[in-house]
Structure formats: structure tokens, C-alpha cells
PDB file of N, CA and C in Angstrom:
ATOM      1  N   UNK A   1       0.826  -1.202  -0.004  1.00  0.00           N
ATOM      2  CA  UNK A   1      -0.015  -0.001   0.020  1.00  0.00           C
ATOM      3  C   UNK A   1       0.866   1.249  -0.005  1.00  0.00           C
ATOM      4  N   UNK A   2       1.867   1.274   0.881  1.00  0.00           N
ATOM      5  CA  UNK A   2       2.711   2.439   0.964  1.00  0.00           C
ATOM      6  C   UNK A   2       3.593   2.501  -0.273  1.00  0.00           C
ATOM      7  N   UNK A   3       4.081   1.348  -0.725  1.00  0.00           N
ATOM      8  CA  UNK A   3       4.897   1.305  -1.961  1.00  0.00           C
ATOM      9  C   UNK A   3       4.151   1.821  -3.162  1.00  0.00           C
ATOM     10  N   UNK A   4       2.873   1.436  -3.239  1.00  0.00           N
ATOM     11  CA  UNK A   4       2.070   1.923  -4.375  1.00  0.00           C
ATOM     12  C   UNK A   4       1.898   3.459  -4.332  1.00  0.00           C
ATOM     13  N   UNK A   5       1.750   3.988  -3.148  1.00  0.00           N
ATOM     14  CA  UNK A   5       1.651   5.450  -3.025  1.00  0.00           C
ATOM     15  C   UNK A   5       2.976   6.131  -3.417  1.00  0.00           C
ATOM     16  N   UNK A   6       4.070   5.542  -3.073  1.00  0.00           N
ATOM     17  CA  UNK A   6       5.398   6.087  -3.437  1.00  0.00           C
ATOM     18  C   UNK A   6       5.577   6.036  -4.986  1.00  0.00           C
ATOM     19  N   UNK A   7       5.195   4.938  -5.584  1.00  0.00           N
ATOM     20  CA  UNK A   7       5.326   4.800  -7.007  1.00  0.00           C
ATOM     21  C   UNK A   7       4.424   5.845  -7.755  1.00  0.00           C
ATOM     22  N   UNK A   8       3.197   5.978  -7.291  1.00  0.00           N
ATOM     23  CA  UNK A   8       2.306   6.987  -7.888  1.00  0.00           C
ATOM     24  C   UNK A   8       2.848   8.368  -7.711  1.00  0.00           C
ATOM     25  N   UNK A   9       3.355   8.669  -6.568  1.00  0.00           N
ATOM     26  CA  UNK A   9       3.933   9.992  -6.267  1.00  0.00           C
ATOM     27  C   UNK A   9       5.162  10.220  -7.142  1.00  0.00           C
ATOM     28  N   UNK A  10       5.963   9.186  -7.300  1.00  0.00           N
ATOM     29  CA  UNK A  10       7.132   9.284  -8.158  1.00  0.00           C
ATOM     30  C   UNK A  10       6.811   9.626  -9.593  1.00  0.00           C
ATOM     31  N   UNK A  11       5.778   8.924 -10.115  1.00  0.00           N
ATOM     32  CA  UNK A  11       5.354   9.187 -11.490  1.00  0.00           C
ATOM     33  C   UNK A  11       4.762  10.576 -11.623  1.00  0.00           C
ATOM     34  N   UNK A  12       4.027  11.037 -10.623  1.00  0.00           N
ATOM     35  CA  UNK A  12       3.451  12.393 -10.689  1.00  0.00           C
ATOM     36  C   UNK A  12       4.546  13.433 -10.660  1.00  0.00           C
ATOM     37  N   UNK A  13       5.516  13.281  -9.827  1.00  0.00           N
ATOM     38  CA  UNK A  13       6.606  14.260  -9.719  1.00  0.00           C
ATOM     39  C   UNK A  13       7.426  14.236 -11.007  1.00  0.00           C
ATOM     40  N   UNK A  14       7.717  13.069 -11.547  1.00  0.00           N
ATOM     41  CA  UNK A  14       8.510  12.950 -12.732  1.00  0.00           C
ATOM     42  C   UNK A  14       7.777  13.608 -13.944  1.00  0.00           C
ATOM     43  N   UNK A  15       6.490  13.368 -14.046  1.00  0.00           N
ATOM     44  CA  UNK A  15       5.726  14.000 -15.145  1.00  0.00           C
ATOM     45  C   UNK A  15       5.655  15.518 -14.967  1.00  0.00           C
ATOM     46  N   UNK A  16       5.457  15.974 -13.727  1.00  0.00           N
ATOM     47  CA  UNK A  16       5.433  17.407 -13.480  1.00  0.00           C
ATOM     48  C   UNK A  16       6.759  18.071 -13.780  1.00  0.00           C
ATOM     49  N   UNK A  17       7.821  17.452 -13.399  1.00  0.00           N
ATOM     50  CA  UNK A  17       9.147  18.017 -13.687  1.00  0.00           C
ATOM     51  C   UNK A  17       9.426  18.092 -15.183  1.00  0.00           C
ATOM     52  N   UNK A  18       9.094  17.015 -15.908  1.00  0.00           N
ATOM     53  CA  UNK A  18       9.316  17.011 -17.351  1.00  0.00           C
ATOM     54  C   UNK A  18       8.447  18.024 -18.062  1.00  0.00           C
ATOM     55  N   UNK A  19       7.219  18.188 -17.624  1.00  0.00           N
ATOM     56  CA  UNK A  19       6.363  19.178 -18.218  1.00  0.00           C
ATOM     57  C   UNK A  19       6.835  20.603 -17.961  1.00  0.00           C
ATOM     58  N   UNK A  20       7.334  20.815 -16.745  1.00  0.00           N
ATOM     59  CA  UNK A  20       7.845  22.173 -16.423  1.00  0.00           C
ATOM     60  C   UNK A  20       9.081  22.515 -17.279  1.00  0.00           C
ATOM     61  N   UNK A  21       9.935  21.533 -17.488  1.00  0.00           N
ATOM     62  CA  UNK A  21      11.119  21.786 -18.264  1.00  0.00           C
ATOM     63  C   UNK A  21      10.755  22.080 -19.752  1.00  0.00           C
ATOM     64  N   UNK A  22       9.831  21.273 -20.260  1.00  0.00           N
ATOM     65  CA  UNK A  22       9.460  21.392 -21.657  1.00  0.00           C
ATOM     66  C   UNK A  22       8.563  22.660 -21.914  1.00  0.00           C
ATOM     67  N   UNK A  23       7.578  22.815 -21.055  1.00  0.00           N
ATOM     68  CA  UNK A  23       6.589  23.889 -21.345  1.00  0.00           C
ATOM     69  C   UNK A  23       6.836  25.129 -20.478  1.00  0.00           C
ATOM     70  N   UNK A  24       7.801  25.119 -19.608  1.00  0.00           N
ATOM     71  CA  UNK A  24       8.053  26.269 -18.803  1.00  0.00           C
ATOM     72  C   UNK A  24       8.424  27.530 -19.562  1.00  0.00           C
ATOM     73  N   UNK A  25       9.285  27.449 -20.589  1.00  0.00           N
ATOM     74  CA  UNK A  25       9.593  28.658 -21.379  1.00  0.00           C
ATOM     75  C   UNK A  25       8.618  28.957 -22.468  1.00  0.00           C
ATOM     76  N   UNK A  26       7.350  28.467 -22.442  1.00  0.00           N
ATOM     77  CA  UNK A  26       6.412  28.681 -23.471  1.00  0.00           C
ATOM     78  C   UNK A  26       6.195  30.131 -23.743  1.00  0.00           C
ATOM     79  N   UNK A  27       6.120  30.967 -22.691  1.00  0.00           N
ATOM     80  CA  UNK A  27       5.838  32.397 -22.849  1.00  0.00           C
ATOM     81  C   UNK A  27       6.949  33.083 -23.601  1.00  0.00           C
ATOM     82  N   UNK A  28       8.124  32.531 -23.591  1.00  0.00           N
ATOM     83  CA  UNK A  28       9.260  33.121 -24.317  1.00  0.00           C
ATOM     84  C   UNK A  28       9.132  32.860 -25.794  1.00  0.00           C
ATOM     85  N   UNK A  29       8.755  31.628 -26.191  1.00  0.00           N
ATOM     86  CA  UNK A  29       8.783  31.230 -27.575  1.00  0.00           C
ATOM     87  C   UNK A  29       7.478  31.427 -28.351  1.00  0.00           C
ATOM     88  N   UNK A  30       6.378  31.724 -27.638  1.00  0.00           N
ATOM     89  CA  UNK A  30       5.119  31.907 -28.354  1.00  0.00           C
ATOM     90  C   UNK A  30       5.170  33.219 -29.138  1.00  0.00           C
ATOM     91  N   UNK A  31       4.234  33.386 -30.070  1.00  0.00           N
ATOM     92  CA  UNK A  31       4.171  34.586 -30.916  1.00  0.00           C
ATOM     93  C   UNK A  31       3.946  35.828 -30.023  1.00  0.00           C
ATOM     94  N   UNK A  32       4.849  36.756 -30.086  1.00  0.00           N
ATOM     95  CA  UNK A  32       4.764  37.976 -29.297  1.00  0.00           C
ATOM     96  C   UNK A  32       5.110  37.758 -27.826  1.00  0.00           C
ATOM     97  N   UNK A  33       5.827  36.724 -27.558  1.00  0.00           N
ATOM     98  CA  UNK A  33       6.186  36.397 -26.172  1.00  0.00           C
ATOM     99  C   UNK A  33       7.246  37.354 -25.609  1.00  0.00           C
ATOM    100  N   UNK A  34       7.336  37.379 -24.279  1.00  0.00           N
ATOM    101  CA  UNK A  34       8.315  38.217 -23.620  1.00  0.00           C
ATOM    102  C   UNK A  34       9.455  37.330 -23.113  1.00  0.00           C
ATOM    103  N   UNK A  35      10.675  37.792 -23.324  1.00  0.00           N
ATOM    104  CA  UNK A  35      11.795  36.946 -22.844  1.00  0.00           C
ATOM    105  C   UNK A  35      11.895  36.946 -21.340  1.00  0.00           C
ATOM    106  N   UNK A  36      12.581  35.878 -20.826  1.00  0.00           N
ATOM    107  CA  UNK A  36      12.806  35.787 -19.399  1.00  0.00           C
ATOM    108  C   UNK A  36      13.642  36.994 -18.955  1.00  0.00           C
ATOM    109  N   UNK A  37      13.359  37.446 -17.723  1.00  0.00           N
ATOM    110  CA  UNK A  37      14.250  38.421 -17.100  1.00  0.00           C
ATOM    111  C   UNK A  37      15.475  37.703 -16.598  1.00  0.00           C
ATOM    112  N   UNK A  38      16.418  38.403 -16.028  1.00  0.00           N
ATOM    113  CA  UNK A  38      17.693  37.829 -15.605  1.00  0.00           C
ATOM    114  C   UNK A  38      17.452  36.697 -14.534  1.00  0.00           C
ATOM    115  N   UNK A  39      16.639  36.966 -13.563  1.00  0.00           N
ATOM    116  CA  UNK A  39      16.358  35.984 -12.498  1.00  0.00           C
ATOM    117  C   UNK A  39      15.719  34.689 -13.059  1.00  0.00           C
ATOM    118  N   UNK A  40      14.720  34.866 -13.928  1.00  0.00           N
ATOM    119  CA  UNK A  40      14.059  33.717 -14.519  1.00  0.00           C
ATOM    120  C   UNK A  40      14.996  32.920 -15.397  1.00  0.00           C
ATOM    121  N   UNK A  41      15.844  33.616 -16.146  1.00  0.00           N
ATOM    122  CA  UNK A  41      16.791  32.939 -17.001  1.00  0.00           C
ATOM    123  C   UNK A  41      17.783  32.137 -16.192  1.00  0.00           C
ATOM    124  N   UNK A  42      18.294  32.730 -15.085  1.00  0.00           N
ATOM    125  CA  UNK A  42      19.270  32.027 -14.256  1.00  0.00           C
ATOM    126  C   UNK A  42      18.584  30.799 -13.571  1.00  0.00           C
ATOM    127  N   UNK A  43      17.334  31.001 -13.081  1.00  0.00           N
ATOM    128  CA  UNK A  43      16.632  29.892 -12.393  1.00  0.00           C
ATOM    129  C   UNK A  43      16.384  28.770 -13.365  1.00  0.00           C
ATOM    130  N   UNK A  44      15.866  29.083 -14.571  1.00  0.00           N
ATOM    131  CA  UNK A  44      15.571  28.022 -15.526  1.00  0.00           C
ATOM    132  C   UNK A  44      16.825  27.305 -15.967  1.00  0.00           C
ATOM    133  N   UNK A  45      17.888  28.099 -16.257  1.00  0.00           N
ATOM    134  CA  UNK A  45      19.159  27.489 -16.685  1.00  0.00           C
ATOM    135  C   UNK A  45      19.752  26.639 -15.570  1.00  0.00           C
ATOM    136  N   UNK A  46      19.586  27.005 -14.366  1.00  0.00           N
ATOM    137  CA  UNK A  46      20.181  26.255 -13.199  1.00  0.00           C
ATOM    138  C   UNK A  46      19.436  24.959 -12.935  1.00  0.00           C
ATOM    139  N   UNK A  47      18.106  25.012 -12.927  1.00  0.00           N
ATOM    140  CA  UNK A  47      17.341  23.882 -12.482  1.00  0.00           C
ATOM    141  C   UNK A  47      16.752  22.991 -13.552  1.00  0.00           C
ATOM    142  N   UNK A  48      16.734  23.476 -14.813  1.00  0.00           N
ATOM    143  CA  UNK A  48      16.022  22.664 -15.817  1.00  0.00           C
ATOM    144  C   UNK A  48      16.758  21.367 -16.130  1.00  0.00           C
ATOM    145  N   UNK A  49      18.064  21.385 -16.186  1.00  0.00           N
ATOM    146  CA  UNK A  49      18.784  20.156 -16.511  1.00  0.00           C
ATOM    147  C   UNK A  49      18.728  19.148 -15.387  1.00  0.00           C
ATOM    148  N   UNK A  50      18.773  19.650 -14.155  1.00  0.00           N
ATOM    149  CA  UNK A  50      18.639  18.759 -12.990  1.00  0.00           C
ATOM    150  C   UNK A  50      17.218  18.139 -12.936  1.00  0.00           C
ATOM    151  N   UNK A  51      16.222  18.987 -13.188  1.00  0.00           N
ATOM    152  CA  UNK A  51      14.839  18.466 -13.163  1.00  0.00           C
ATOM    153  C   UNK A  51      14.609  17.459 -14.264  1.00  0.00           C
ATOM    154  N   UNK A  52      15.160  17.705 -15.470  1.00  0.00           N
ATOM    155  CA  UNK A  52      15.009  16.734 -16.545  1.00  0.00           C
ATOM    156  C   UNK A  52      15.709  15.434 -16.174  1.00  0.00           C
ATOM    157  N   UNK A  53      16.914  15.544 -15.635  1.00  0.00           N
ATOM    158  CA  UNK A  53      17.662  14.351 -15.239  1.00  0.00           C
ATOM    159  C   UNK A  53      16.919  13.531 -14.185  1.00  0.00           C
ATOM    160  N   UNK A  54      16.281  14.194 -13.231  1.00  0.00           N
ATOM    161  CA  UNK A  54      15.494  13.503 -12.191  1.00  0.00           C
ATOM    162  C   UNK A  54      14.287  12.808 -12.774  1.00  0.00           C
ATOM    163  N   UNK A  55      13.609  13.452 -13.726  1.00  0.00           N
ATOM    164  CA  UNK A  55      12.466  12.868 -14.355  1.00  0.00           C
ATOM    165  C   UNK A  55      12.855  11.576 -15.170  1.00  0.00           C
ATOM    166  N   UNK A  56      13.943  11.658 -15.884  1.00  0.00           N
ATOM    167  CA  UNK A  56      14.429  10.551 -16.683  1.00  0.00           C
ATOM    168  C   UNK A  56      14.942   9.436 -15.719  1.00  0.00           C
ATOM    169  N   UNK A  57      15.601   9.820 -14.650  1.00  0.00           N
ATOM    170  CA  UNK A  57      16.102   8.823 -13.681  1.00  0.00           C
ATOM    171  C   UNK A  57      14.904   8.064 -13.104  1.00  0.00           C
ATOM    172  N   UNK A  58      13.812   8.740 -12.784  1.00  0.00           N
ATOM    173  CA  UNK A  58      12.662   8.001 -12.223  1.00  0.00           C
ATOM    174  C   UNK A  58      12.110   7.043 -13.250  1.00  0.00           C
ATOM    175  N   UNK A  59      12.014   7.439 -14.501  1.00  0.00           N
ATOM    176  CA  UNK A  59      11.489   6.515 -15.519  1.00  0.00           C
ATOM    177  C   UNK A  59      12.388   5.296 -15.657  1.00  0.00           C
ATOM    178  N   UNK A  60      13.663   5.475 -15.616  1.00  0.00           N
ATOM    179  CA  UNK A  60      14.618   4.330 -15.647  1.00  0.00           C
ATOM    180  C   UNK A  60      14.460   3.474 -14.434  1.00  0.00           C
ATOM    181  N   UNK A  61      14.449   4.067 -13.260  1.00  0.00           N
ATOM    182  CA  UNK A  61      14.281   3.291 -12.021  1.00  0.00           C
ATOM    183  C   UNK A  61      12.981   2.516 -11.992  1.00  0.00           C
ATOM    184  N   UNK A  62      11.870   3.190 -12.337  1.00  0.00           N
ATOM    185  CA  UNK A  62      10.572   2.543 -12.275  1.00  0.00           C
ATOM    186  C   UNK A  62      10.502   1.381 -13.301  1.00  0.00           C
ATOM    187  N   UNK A  63      10.960   1.593 -14.495  1.00  0.00           N
ATOM    188  CA  UNK A  63      10.946   0.552 -15.468  1.00  0.00           C
ATOM    189  C   UNK A  63      11.812  -0.628 -15.091  1.00  0.00           C
ATOM    190  N   UNK A  64      13.000  -0.358 -14.541  1.00  0.00           N
ATOM    191  CA  UNK A  64      13.910  -1.409 -14.150  1.00  0.00           C
ATOM    192  C   UNK A  64      13.298  -2.280 -13.021  1.00  0.00           C
ATOM    193  N   UNK A  65      12.529  -1.678 -12.150  1.00  0.00           N
ATOM    194  CA  UNK A  65      11.995  -2.376 -10.992  1.00  0.00           C
ATOM    195  C   UNK A  65      10.547  -2.877 -11.189  1.00  0.00           C
ATOM    196  N   UNK A  66      10.047  -2.771 -12.421  1.00  0.00           N
ATOM    197  CA  UNK A  66       8.714  -3.288 -12.736  1.00  0.00           C
ATOM    198  C   UNK A  66       7.589  -2.404 -12.444  1.00  0.00           C
ATOM    199  N   UNK A  67       7.814  -1.090 -12.236  1.00  0.00           N
ATOM    200  CA  UNK A  67       6.767  -0.155 -11.984  1.00  0.00           C
ATOM    201  C   UNK A  67       6.472   0.732 -13.166  1.00  0.00           C
ATOM    202  N   UNK A  68       6.910   0.332 -14.367  1.00  0.00           N
ATOM    203  CA  UNK A  68       6.795   1.170 -15.539  1.00  0.00           C
ATOM    204  C   UNK A  68       5.492   1.076 -16.233  1.00  0.00           C
ATOM    205  N   UNK A  69       4.736   0.006 -16.008  1.00  0.00           N
ATOM    206  CA  UNK A  69       3.446  -0.164 -16.665  1.00  0.00           C
ATOM    207  C   UNK A  69       3.607  -0.216 -18.166  1.00  0.00           C
ATOM    208  N   UNK A  70       2.898   0.591 -18.884  1.00  0.00           N
ATOM    209  CA  UNK A  70       2.927   0.627 -20.346  1.00  0.00           C
ATOM    210  C   UNK A  70       4.252   1.182 -20.895  1.00  0.00           C
ATOM    211  N   UNK A  71       4.962   1.929 -20.048  1.00  0.00           N
ATOM    212  CA  UNK A  71       6.256   2.444 -20.535  1.00  0.00           C
ATOM    213  C   UNK A  71       7.274   1.325 -20.808  1.00  0.00           C
ATOM    214  N   UNK A  72       7.128   0.226 -20.064  1.00  0.00           N
ATOM    215  CA  UNK A  72       7.997  -0.927 -20.358  1.00  0.00           C
ATOM    216  C   UNK A  72       7.768  -1.470 -21.781  1.00  0.00           C
ATOM    217  N   UNK A  73       6.512  -1.473 -22.197  1.00  0.00           N
ATOM    218  CA  UNK A  73       6.203  -1.947 -23.592  1.00  0.00           C
ATOM    219  C   UNK A  73       6.766  -1.022 -24.621  1.00  0.00           C
ATOM    220  N   UNK A  74       6.662   0.307 -24.372  1.00  0.00           N
ATOM    221  CA  UNK A  74       7.180   1.289 -25.310  1.00  0.00           C
ATOM    222  C   UNK A  74       8.661   1.236 -25.355  1.00  0.00           C
ATOM    223  N   UNK A  75       9.303   1.185 -24.204  1.00  0.00           N
ATOM    224  CA  UNK A  75      10.781   1.254 -24.187  1.00  0.00           C
ATOM    225  C   UNK A  75      11.385  -0.117 -24.435  1.00  0.00           C
TER     226      UNK A  75
END
């Protein structure tokens, strides 16, 4: 029961991190968007690669230990 909650939480956090990294700078790249200010640029540059790495690490860990579900079939 507790393990299942941890697995679900892990997937939710991994998906949220990946979505933030991919769609976080949407306002910069959309038509007529405004660029990041200095603080936003530094924060995104600092944390985006770590967040992406954590999301991918969870996918690898979950699939390796049998918690990947349909991702195991895809990968």
C-alpha cells in the first residue's frame, strides 16, 4: 500500500518536472512572447537540466523495477 503510493507519487513528480522543463519557457517562444528576465533565465538554466535528469532517472528506475506499466512496452 505504501509502496504503491510512493510509485504513484514518483510518477506524478517525474511527469510534473518533465512538463515544467518542456513547457516552462512557453511564454518566451510563443508569438509575441516576452523573454525571461535575468532571474528567470538564471533559475531556468540552473534547475532545468537537473529536473530533466531526475524525471528521466525516475523513468529508468521505475521501469527497471517493474513499476513502468505501459512504458515498459514502449521502451
